[in-house]
N, C-alpha and C. Protein backbone atom coordinates (compact mmCIF):
# COMPACT_ATOMS: atom_id res chain seq x y z
N MET A 1 75.91 -23.58 -107.22
CA MET A 1 76.01 -22.30 -106.54
C MET A 1 76.31 -22.55 -105.07
N GLN A 2 77.35 -21.93 -104.58
CA GLN A 2 77.68 -22.01 -103.17
C GLN A 2 76.76 -21.10 -102.38
N VAL A 3 76.58 -21.40 -101.13
CA VAL A 3 75.74 -20.60 -100.24
C VAL A 3 76.61 -20.04 -99.13
N PRO A 4 76.65 -18.71 -98.97
CA PRO A 4 77.49 -18.15 -97.92
C PRO A 4 76.90 -18.37 -96.53
N GLU A 5 77.75 -18.69 -95.61
CA GLU A 5 77.37 -18.74 -94.19
C GLU A 5 77.47 -17.31 -93.66
N PHE A 6 76.93 -17.06 -92.47
CA PHE A 6 77.04 -15.74 -91.88
C PHE A 6 78.51 -15.38 -91.72
N GLY A 7 78.87 -14.18 -92.14
CA GLY A 7 80.25 -13.71 -92.04
C GLY A 7 81.11 -14.14 -93.21
N GLU A 8 80.59 -14.94 -94.10
CA GLU A 8 81.34 -15.45 -95.24
C GLU A 8 80.90 -14.70 -96.51
N THR A 9 81.82 -14.54 -97.44
CA THR A 9 81.55 -13.89 -98.72
C THR A 9 81.88 -14.87 -99.83
N ILE A 10 81.02 -14.95 -100.81
CA ILE A 10 81.26 -15.82 -101.96
C ILE A 10 81.27 -14.96 -103.21
N LYS A 11 82.34 -15.10 -104.00
CA LYS A 11 82.45 -14.37 -105.26
C LYS A 11 82.28 -15.37 -106.40
N GLN A 12 81.33 -15.06 -107.26
CA GLN A 12 81.02 -15.96 -108.37
C GLN A 12 80.27 -15.17 -109.45
N ASP A 13 80.53 -15.47 -110.68
CA ASP A 13 79.84 -14.85 -111.81
C ASP A 13 79.96 -13.32 -111.82
N GLY A 14 81.08 -12.79 -111.33
CA GLY A 14 81.28 -11.35 -111.31
C GLY A 14 80.53 -10.63 -110.21
N LEU A 15 79.88 -11.38 -109.32
CA LEU A 15 79.12 -10.80 -108.22
C LEU A 15 79.63 -11.34 -106.89
N THR A 16 79.31 -10.62 -105.82
CA THR A 16 79.63 -11.06 -104.47
C THR A 16 78.32 -11.30 -103.73
N TYR A 17 78.24 -12.43 -103.03
CA TYR A 17 77.04 -12.82 -102.28
C TYR A 17 77.42 -12.92 -100.81
N ARG A 18 76.61 -12.30 -99.96
CA ARG A 18 76.91 -12.33 -98.52
C ARG A 18 75.67 -11.95 -97.73
N TRP A 19 75.75 -12.17 -96.42
CA TRP A 19 74.74 -11.69 -95.50
C TRP A 19 75.20 -10.33 -94.98
N ALA A 20 74.27 -9.44 -94.73
CA ALA A 20 74.59 -8.08 -94.33
C ALA A 20 75.34 -8.05 -93.00
N GLN A 21 76.14 -7.00 -92.87
CA GLN A 21 76.88 -6.71 -91.65
C GLN A 21 76.31 -5.43 -91.05
N PRO A 22 76.56 -5.16 -89.77
CA PRO A 22 76.05 -3.92 -89.17
C PRO A 22 76.45 -2.66 -89.95
N SER A 23 77.60 -2.69 -90.59
CA SER A 23 78.07 -1.52 -91.35
C SER A 23 77.18 -1.22 -92.56
N ASP A 24 76.35 -2.16 -92.99
CA ASP A 24 75.44 -1.94 -94.12
C ASP A 24 74.18 -1.18 -93.72
N ALA A 25 73.89 -1.11 -92.45
CA ALA A 25 72.59 -0.61 -91.97
C ALA A 25 72.29 0.81 -92.46
N GLU A 26 73.25 1.70 -92.41
CA GLU A 26 72.98 3.09 -92.79
C GLU A 26 72.54 3.20 -94.25
N ALA A 27 73.28 2.55 -95.14
CA ALA A 27 72.92 2.62 -96.57
C ALA A 27 71.57 1.98 -96.82
N PHE A 28 71.32 0.83 -96.21
CA PHE A 28 70.06 0.13 -96.44
C PHE A 28 68.89 0.93 -95.89
N SER A 29 69.07 1.55 -94.74
CA SER A 29 68.01 2.38 -94.16
C SER A 29 67.69 3.54 -95.09
N LYS A 30 68.72 4.15 -95.64
CA LYS A 30 68.53 5.28 -96.56
C LYS A 30 67.79 4.81 -97.82
N TRP A 31 68.23 3.70 -98.41
CA TRP A 31 67.60 3.19 -99.62
C TRP A 31 66.12 2.91 -99.40
N SER A 32 65.82 2.20 -98.31
CA SER A 32 64.43 1.80 -98.09
C SER A 32 63.54 2.99 -97.73
N SER A 33 64.05 3.92 -96.95
CA SER A 33 63.23 5.07 -96.56
C SER A 33 62.97 6.02 -97.72
N GLU A 34 63.88 6.04 -98.70
CA GLU A 34 63.70 6.92 -99.86
C GLU A 34 62.93 6.25 -101.00
N ASN A 35 62.65 4.96 -100.86
CA ASN A 35 61.92 4.24 -101.90
C ASN A 35 60.43 4.23 -101.55
N GLY A 36 59.67 5.06 -102.23
CA GLY A 36 58.24 5.17 -101.95
C GLY A 36 57.44 3.95 -102.33
N LYS A 37 58.05 2.97 -103.00
CA LYS A 37 57.32 1.76 -103.40
C LYS A 37 57.35 0.67 -102.33
N ILE A 38 58.17 0.84 -101.31
CA ILE A 38 58.23 -0.15 -100.22
C ILE A 38 57.26 0.31 -99.14
N PRO A 39 56.21 -0.48 -98.86
CA PRO A 39 55.26 -0.08 -97.81
C PRO A 39 55.97 0.09 -96.46
N HIS A 40 55.57 1.12 -95.73
CA HIS A 40 56.19 1.42 -94.44
C HIS A 40 56.12 0.21 -93.50
N LYS A 41 55.00 -0.52 -93.53
CA LYS A 41 54.89 -1.67 -92.61
C LYS A 41 55.90 -2.76 -92.98
N ASP A 42 56.31 -2.85 -94.25
CA ASP A 42 57.35 -3.81 -94.63
C ASP A 42 58.71 -3.38 -94.09
N ILE A 43 58.95 -2.08 -94.12
CA ILE A 43 60.20 -1.57 -93.55
C ILE A 43 60.23 -1.85 -92.05
N LEU A 44 59.12 -1.57 -91.38
CA LEU A 44 59.05 -1.85 -89.94
C LEU A 44 59.25 -3.33 -89.66
N ALA A 45 58.66 -4.20 -90.48
CA ALA A 45 58.78 -5.64 -90.27
C ALA A 45 60.22 -6.12 -90.46
N SER A 46 61.01 -5.39 -91.26
CA SER A 46 62.39 -5.81 -91.51
C SER A 46 63.36 -5.34 -90.44
N MET A 47 62.87 -4.60 -89.47
CA MET A 47 63.73 -4.12 -88.39
C MET A 47 63.88 -5.21 -87.33
N SER A 48 65.10 -5.41 -86.87
CA SER A 48 65.33 -6.48 -85.88
C SER A 48 64.56 -6.24 -84.59
N ALA A 49 64.24 -4.99 -84.28
CA ALA A 49 63.44 -4.72 -83.08
C ALA A 49 62.04 -5.31 -83.21
N ASN A 50 61.54 -5.41 -84.43
CA ASN A 50 60.21 -5.96 -84.67
C ASN A 50 60.25 -7.43 -85.07
N ASN A 51 61.31 -7.88 -85.67
CA ASN A 51 61.48 -9.29 -86.05
C ASN A 51 62.94 -9.69 -85.81
N PRO A 52 63.24 -10.16 -84.60
CA PRO A 52 64.62 -10.49 -84.26
C PRO A 52 65.28 -11.53 -85.17
N THR A 53 64.48 -12.30 -85.90
CA THR A 53 65.06 -13.30 -86.79
C THR A 53 65.45 -12.72 -88.14
N CYS A 54 65.20 -11.43 -88.36
CA CYS A 54 65.44 -10.83 -89.68
C CYS A 54 66.93 -10.79 -90.01
N VAL A 55 67.23 -11.26 -91.22
CA VAL A 55 68.58 -11.20 -91.78
C VAL A 55 68.46 -10.63 -93.19
N TYR A 56 69.50 -9.96 -93.62
CA TYR A 56 69.51 -9.35 -94.95
C TYR A 56 70.53 -10.06 -95.83
N PHE A 57 70.10 -10.43 -97.01
CA PHE A 57 71.00 -11.00 -98.01
C PHE A 57 71.43 -9.87 -98.94
N VAL A 58 72.71 -9.85 -99.29
CA VAL A 58 73.28 -8.77 -100.08
C VAL A 58 73.95 -9.34 -101.33
N ILE A 59 73.74 -8.67 -102.45
CA ILE A 59 74.47 -8.99 -103.68
C ILE A 59 75.18 -7.72 -104.12
N GLU A 60 76.49 -7.85 -104.38
CA GLU A 60 77.32 -6.71 -104.76
C GLU A 60 77.94 -6.95 -106.13
N LYS A 61 78.24 -5.84 -106.78
CA LYS A 61 79.02 -5.87 -108.01
C LYS A 61 80.12 -4.83 -107.86
N ASP A 62 81.35 -5.25 -108.06
CA ASP A 62 82.50 -4.36 -107.92
C ASP A 62 82.54 -3.70 -106.54
N GLY A 63 82.14 -4.45 -105.50
CA GLY A 63 82.18 -3.96 -104.13
C GLY A 63 81.05 -3.02 -103.74
N VAL A 64 80.10 -2.82 -104.64
CA VAL A 64 78.98 -1.91 -104.37
C VAL A 64 77.69 -2.73 -104.31
N PRO A 65 76.94 -2.63 -103.20
CA PRO A 65 75.68 -3.38 -103.13
C PRO A 65 74.70 -2.96 -104.23
N ILE A 66 74.11 -3.98 -104.87
CA ILE A 66 73.06 -3.69 -105.86
C ILE A 66 71.71 -4.20 -105.40
N LEU A 67 71.71 -5.05 -104.38
CA LEU A 67 70.44 -5.57 -103.84
C LEU A 67 70.63 -5.93 -102.38
N PHE A 68 69.62 -5.64 -101.60
CA PHE A 68 69.53 -6.21 -100.26
C PHE A 68 68.12 -6.74 -100.09
N ALA A 69 68.00 -7.88 -99.43
CA ALA A 69 66.70 -8.53 -99.28
C ALA A 69 66.55 -9.04 -97.85
N PRO A 70 65.62 -8.43 -97.09
CA PRO A 70 65.40 -8.89 -95.72
C PRO A 70 64.48 -10.13 -95.68
N PHE A 71 64.86 -11.07 -94.83
CA PHE A 71 64.07 -12.28 -94.61
C PHE A 71 63.89 -12.47 -93.11
N TYR A 72 62.69 -12.88 -92.70
CA TYR A 72 62.48 -13.21 -91.29
C TYR A 72 61.55 -14.42 -91.20
N VAL A 73 61.59 -15.05 -90.05
CA VAL A 73 60.84 -16.28 -89.81
C VAL A 73 59.42 -15.96 -89.38
N GLN A 74 58.47 -16.68 -89.94
CA GLN A 74 57.07 -16.63 -89.52
C GLN A 74 56.66 -18.05 -89.15
N MET A 75 55.68 -18.15 -88.28
CA MET A 75 55.03 -19.44 -88.05
C MET A 75 53.77 -19.43 -88.89
N ILE A 76 53.55 -20.50 -89.63
CA ILE A 76 52.34 -20.61 -90.45
C ILE A 76 51.51 -21.76 -89.89
N LEU A 77 50.29 -21.44 -89.54
CA LEU A 77 49.35 -22.46 -89.09
C LEU A 77 48.88 -23.22 -90.33
N ALA A 78 49.29 -24.47 -90.45
CA ALA A 78 48.98 -25.26 -91.64
C ALA A 78 47.49 -25.61 -91.71
N PHE A 79 46.95 -26.06 -90.61
CA PHE A 79 45.52 -26.38 -90.54
C PHE A 79 45.18 -26.69 -89.09
N LEU A 80 43.90 -26.82 -88.81
CA LEU A 80 43.42 -27.21 -87.48
C LEU A 80 42.85 -28.62 -87.60
N GLY A 81 43.39 -29.54 -86.86
CA GLY A 81 42.91 -30.91 -86.90
C GLY A 81 42.16 -31.23 -85.61
N PHE A 82 40.85 -31.09 -85.66
CA PHE A 82 40.02 -31.36 -84.49
C PHE A 82 39.56 -32.80 -84.47
N ASN A 83 39.44 -33.34 -83.27
CA ASN A 83 38.79 -34.64 -83.08
C ASN A 83 37.32 -34.42 -83.45
N PRO A 84 36.80 -35.19 -84.41
CA PRO A 84 35.41 -34.98 -84.84
C PRO A 84 34.38 -35.18 -83.73
N GLU A 85 34.79 -35.87 -82.66
CA GLU A 85 33.86 -36.12 -81.56
C GLU A 85 33.96 -35.06 -80.46
N ALA A 86 34.91 -34.13 -80.59
CA ALA A 86 35.07 -33.08 -79.57
C ALA A 86 33.90 -32.10 -79.67
N GLY A 87 33.43 -31.66 -78.52
CA GLY A 87 32.33 -30.70 -78.49
C GLY A 87 32.79 -29.28 -78.83
N ARG A 88 31.82 -28.43 -79.13
CA ARG A 88 32.11 -27.06 -79.54
C ARG A 88 32.93 -26.31 -78.49
N LYS A 89 32.53 -26.40 -77.21
CA LYS A 89 33.24 -25.70 -76.15
C LYS A 89 34.68 -26.20 -76.03
N ASP A 90 34.90 -27.50 -76.13
CA ASP A 90 36.25 -28.04 -76.05
C ASP A 90 37.11 -27.54 -77.22
N ARG A 91 36.52 -27.46 -78.40
CA ARG A 91 37.27 -26.97 -79.57
C ARG A 91 37.64 -25.50 -79.38
N ILE A 92 36.69 -24.69 -78.89
CA ILE A 92 36.96 -23.27 -78.67
C ILE A 92 38.02 -23.08 -77.60
N ASP A 93 37.91 -23.84 -76.50
CA ASP A 93 38.92 -23.76 -75.43
C ASP A 93 40.29 -24.18 -75.96
N ALA A 94 40.33 -25.22 -76.77
CA ALA A 94 41.60 -25.70 -77.33
C ALA A 94 42.22 -24.64 -78.25
N LEU A 95 41.39 -23.98 -79.05
CA LEU A 95 41.90 -22.91 -79.92
C LEU A 95 42.54 -21.79 -79.10
N ALA A 96 41.88 -21.40 -78.03
CA ALA A 96 42.41 -20.32 -77.19
C ALA A 96 43.76 -20.71 -76.58
N LYS A 97 43.85 -21.93 -76.07
CA LYS A 97 45.11 -22.40 -75.48
C LYS A 97 46.19 -22.55 -76.55
N MET A 98 45.81 -23.05 -77.72
CA MET A 98 46.77 -23.20 -78.81
C MET A 98 47.36 -21.84 -79.15
N GLN A 99 46.52 -20.81 -79.27
CA GLN A 99 47.01 -19.48 -79.61
C GLN A 99 47.91 -18.92 -78.50
N GLU A 100 47.49 -19.09 -77.27
CA GLU A 100 48.27 -18.57 -76.13
C GLU A 100 49.65 -19.23 -76.07
N ILE A 101 49.69 -20.54 -76.13
CA ILE A 101 50.95 -21.27 -75.96
C ILE A 101 51.86 -21.11 -77.16
N THR A 102 51.31 -21.19 -78.38
CA THR A 102 52.17 -21.04 -79.56
C THR A 102 52.67 -19.61 -79.69
N SER A 103 51.90 -18.63 -79.22
CA SER A 103 52.37 -17.24 -79.24
C SER A 103 53.57 -17.07 -78.31
N LYS A 104 53.49 -17.68 -77.13
CA LYS A 104 54.62 -17.61 -76.20
C LYS A 104 55.85 -18.34 -76.76
N PHE A 105 55.64 -19.48 -77.40
CA PHE A 105 56.72 -20.21 -78.04
C PHE A 105 57.38 -19.35 -79.11
N ALA A 106 56.56 -18.74 -79.96
CA ALA A 106 57.08 -17.89 -81.04
C ALA A 106 57.90 -16.74 -80.48
N GLU A 107 57.35 -16.05 -79.50
CA GLU A 107 58.06 -14.91 -78.92
C GLU A 107 59.40 -15.33 -78.33
N LYS A 108 59.40 -16.46 -77.64
CA LYS A 108 60.63 -16.98 -77.03
C LYS A 108 61.71 -17.21 -78.07
N HIS A 109 61.31 -17.56 -79.28
CA HIS A 109 62.27 -17.88 -80.34
C HIS A 109 62.45 -16.75 -81.36
N GLY A 110 62.03 -15.54 -81.00
CA GLY A 110 62.24 -14.38 -81.86
C GLY A 110 61.29 -14.28 -83.03
N ILE A 111 60.25 -15.09 -83.03
CA ILE A 111 59.26 -15.08 -84.10
C ILE A 111 58.12 -14.16 -83.66
N ARG A 112 57.80 -13.19 -84.50
CA ARG A 112 56.82 -12.18 -84.11
C ARG A 112 55.51 -12.25 -84.88
N GLU A 113 55.40 -13.20 -85.81
CA GLU A 113 54.17 -13.31 -86.59
C GLU A 113 53.74 -14.76 -86.73
N ILE A 114 52.46 -14.97 -86.53
CA ILE A 114 51.84 -16.26 -86.82
C ILE A 114 50.80 -15.98 -87.90
N ALA A 115 50.87 -16.73 -88.97
CA ALA A 115 49.95 -16.53 -90.08
C ALA A 115 49.12 -17.79 -90.28
N VAL A 116 47.95 -17.59 -90.83
CA VAL A 116 47.09 -18.71 -91.21
C VAL A 116 46.62 -18.42 -92.63
N GLN A 117 46.70 -19.43 -93.47
CA GLN A 117 46.24 -19.27 -94.85
C GLN A 117 44.90 -19.98 -94.98
N THR A 118 43.88 -19.20 -95.31
CA THR A 118 42.54 -19.73 -95.39
C THR A 118 41.71 -18.84 -96.31
N SER A 119 40.49 -19.18 -96.49
CA SER A 119 39.55 -18.36 -97.26
C SER A 119 38.61 -17.66 -96.29
N PRO A 120 38.21 -16.42 -96.61
CA PRO A 120 37.40 -15.63 -95.67
C PRO A 120 36.10 -16.31 -95.23
N GLU A 121 35.56 -17.19 -96.06
CA GLU A 121 34.28 -17.81 -95.70
C GLU A 121 34.44 -19.01 -94.75
N TYR A 122 35.67 -19.46 -94.52
CA TYR A 122 35.89 -20.63 -93.66
C TYR A 122 35.81 -20.26 -92.18
N PRO A 123 35.37 -21.18 -91.35
CA PRO A 123 35.30 -20.90 -89.90
C PRO A 123 36.64 -20.48 -89.30
N VAL A 124 37.75 -21.06 -89.77
CA VAL A 124 39.04 -20.69 -89.20
C VAL A 124 39.35 -19.22 -89.46
N ALA A 125 38.90 -18.67 -90.59
CA ALA A 125 39.10 -17.25 -90.88
C ALA A 125 38.29 -16.39 -89.92
N LYS A 126 37.08 -16.81 -89.66
CA LYS A 126 36.23 -16.07 -88.73
C LYS A 126 36.84 -16.10 -87.32
N TRP A 127 37.35 -17.26 -86.91
CA TRP A 127 38.03 -17.36 -85.62
C TRP A 127 39.25 -16.45 -85.60
N ALA A 128 40.05 -16.48 -86.68
CA ALA A 128 41.29 -15.70 -86.74
C ALA A 128 41.00 -14.20 -86.57
N VAL A 129 40.02 -13.69 -87.28
CA VAL A 129 39.68 -12.27 -87.21
C VAL A 129 39.24 -11.89 -85.79
N LYS A 130 38.47 -12.77 -85.16
CA LYS A 130 38.00 -12.50 -83.79
C LYS A 130 39.13 -12.55 -82.77
N ASN A 131 40.27 -13.16 -83.16
CA ASN A 131 41.35 -13.38 -82.20
C ASN A 131 42.64 -12.67 -82.57
N GLY A 132 42.52 -11.51 -83.23
CA GLY A 132 43.68 -10.65 -83.43
C GLY A 132 44.44 -10.82 -84.73
N PHE A 133 44.03 -11.73 -85.58
CA PHE A 133 44.68 -11.88 -86.88
C PHE A 133 44.11 -10.81 -87.82
N ASN A 134 44.94 -10.24 -88.66
CA ASN A 134 44.49 -9.23 -89.61
C ASN A 134 44.60 -9.80 -91.01
N GLU A 135 43.53 -9.63 -91.79
CA GLU A 135 43.57 -10.09 -93.17
C GLU A 135 44.49 -9.18 -93.96
N GLU A 136 45.41 -9.77 -94.68
CA GLU A 136 46.33 -9.02 -95.52
C GLU A 136 45.68 -8.73 -96.86
N PRO A 137 45.79 -7.51 -97.34
CA PRO A 137 45.19 -7.20 -98.64
C PRO A 137 46.00 -7.75 -99.82
N ARG A 138 47.26 -8.09 -99.56
CA ARG A 138 48.12 -8.57 -100.64
C ARG A 138 48.07 -10.09 -100.72
N LYS A 139 48.30 -10.61 -101.89
CA LYS A 139 48.36 -12.05 -102.10
C LYS A 139 49.72 -12.58 -101.64
N THR A 140 49.73 -13.82 -101.19
CA THR A 140 50.97 -14.49 -100.82
C THR A 140 51.42 -15.34 -102.00
N PHE A 141 52.70 -15.26 -102.31
CA PHE A 141 53.29 -16.09 -103.35
C PHE A 141 54.33 -16.97 -102.67
N LYS A 142 54.16 -18.28 -102.77
CA LYS A 142 55.06 -19.22 -102.11
C LYS A 142 56.06 -19.82 -103.09
N TYR A 143 57.24 -20.04 -102.60
CA TYR A 143 58.26 -20.77 -103.34
C TYR A 143 58.69 -21.94 -102.47
N ARG A 144 58.49 -23.14 -102.94
CA ARG A 144 58.91 -24.33 -102.20
C ARG A 144 60.39 -24.56 -102.47
N VAL A 145 61.19 -24.52 -101.44
CA VAL A 145 62.63 -24.76 -101.56
C VAL A 145 62.88 -26.24 -101.83
N THR A 146 62.12 -27.07 -101.18
CA THR A 146 62.18 -28.53 -101.41
C THR A 146 60.76 -29.00 -101.67
N PRO A 147 60.62 -30.04 -102.48
CA PRO A 147 59.25 -30.51 -102.78
C PRO A 147 58.59 -31.13 -101.55
N LEU A 148 57.27 -31.02 -101.52
CA LEU A 148 56.51 -31.71 -100.47
C LEU A 148 56.67 -33.20 -100.68
N ILE A 149 56.78 -33.93 -99.61
CA ILE A 149 56.92 -35.39 -99.70
C ILE A 149 55.56 -36.01 -99.44
N ASP A 150 55.11 -36.79 -100.37
CA ASP A 150 53.85 -37.51 -100.23
C ASP A 150 54.21 -38.88 -99.66
N PRO A 151 53.76 -39.20 -98.43
CA PRO A 151 54.14 -40.49 -97.82
C PRO A 151 53.79 -41.70 -98.69
N GLU A 152 52.70 -41.61 -99.43
CA GLU A 152 52.34 -42.74 -100.28
C GLU A 152 53.35 -42.94 -101.40
N VAL A 153 53.83 -41.86 -101.96
CA VAL A 153 54.85 -41.93 -103.01
C VAL A 153 56.18 -42.32 -102.39
N GLU A 154 56.51 -41.72 -101.27
CA GLU A 154 57.79 -41.96 -100.60
C GLU A 154 57.93 -43.42 -100.17
N ALA A 155 56.83 -44.07 -99.79
CA ALA A 155 56.86 -45.47 -99.35
C ALA A 155 57.42 -46.39 -100.43
N HIS A 156 57.26 -46.02 -101.66
CA HIS A 156 57.76 -46.86 -102.76
C HIS A 156 59.26 -46.79 -102.90
N TYR A 157 59.91 -45.80 -102.25
CA TYR A 157 61.35 -45.62 -102.37
C TYR A 157 62.12 -46.09 -101.15
N VAL A 158 61.41 -46.54 -100.13
CA VAL A 158 62.06 -46.96 -98.88
C VAL A 158 62.53 -48.39 -98.98
């Protein structure tokens, strides 16, 4: 399967695959606003004013769009790796600076959301809630585009 670049159209299997153009905005806005199954906050998140990295993928049949799918970039906090000998105050100060600096980095690069995946009973969840993170009521479903590389396994192939 070929992958279209921005501005490129690929025709295959009786369908057309492309990234949305500004001319698509009116139809897509109408579709999403009239679909009561799309949460309003998801529609807001797909707007470039709220997520400048948002792009829409389009699939057409006979020149008529049958699907549009908005995607935008998020930063995901993988984990917090503290020096076990660091004191509580140093860890708290480091967390505050990490949030401040990574938030500025994200904003500079058009990223408007930082997420952390954790369990509510973990200390990082308690920190997150105290520092402006909101627990999402919906579950996250991940799709790995490429497999995770385990350095121990990878070492055998080098």
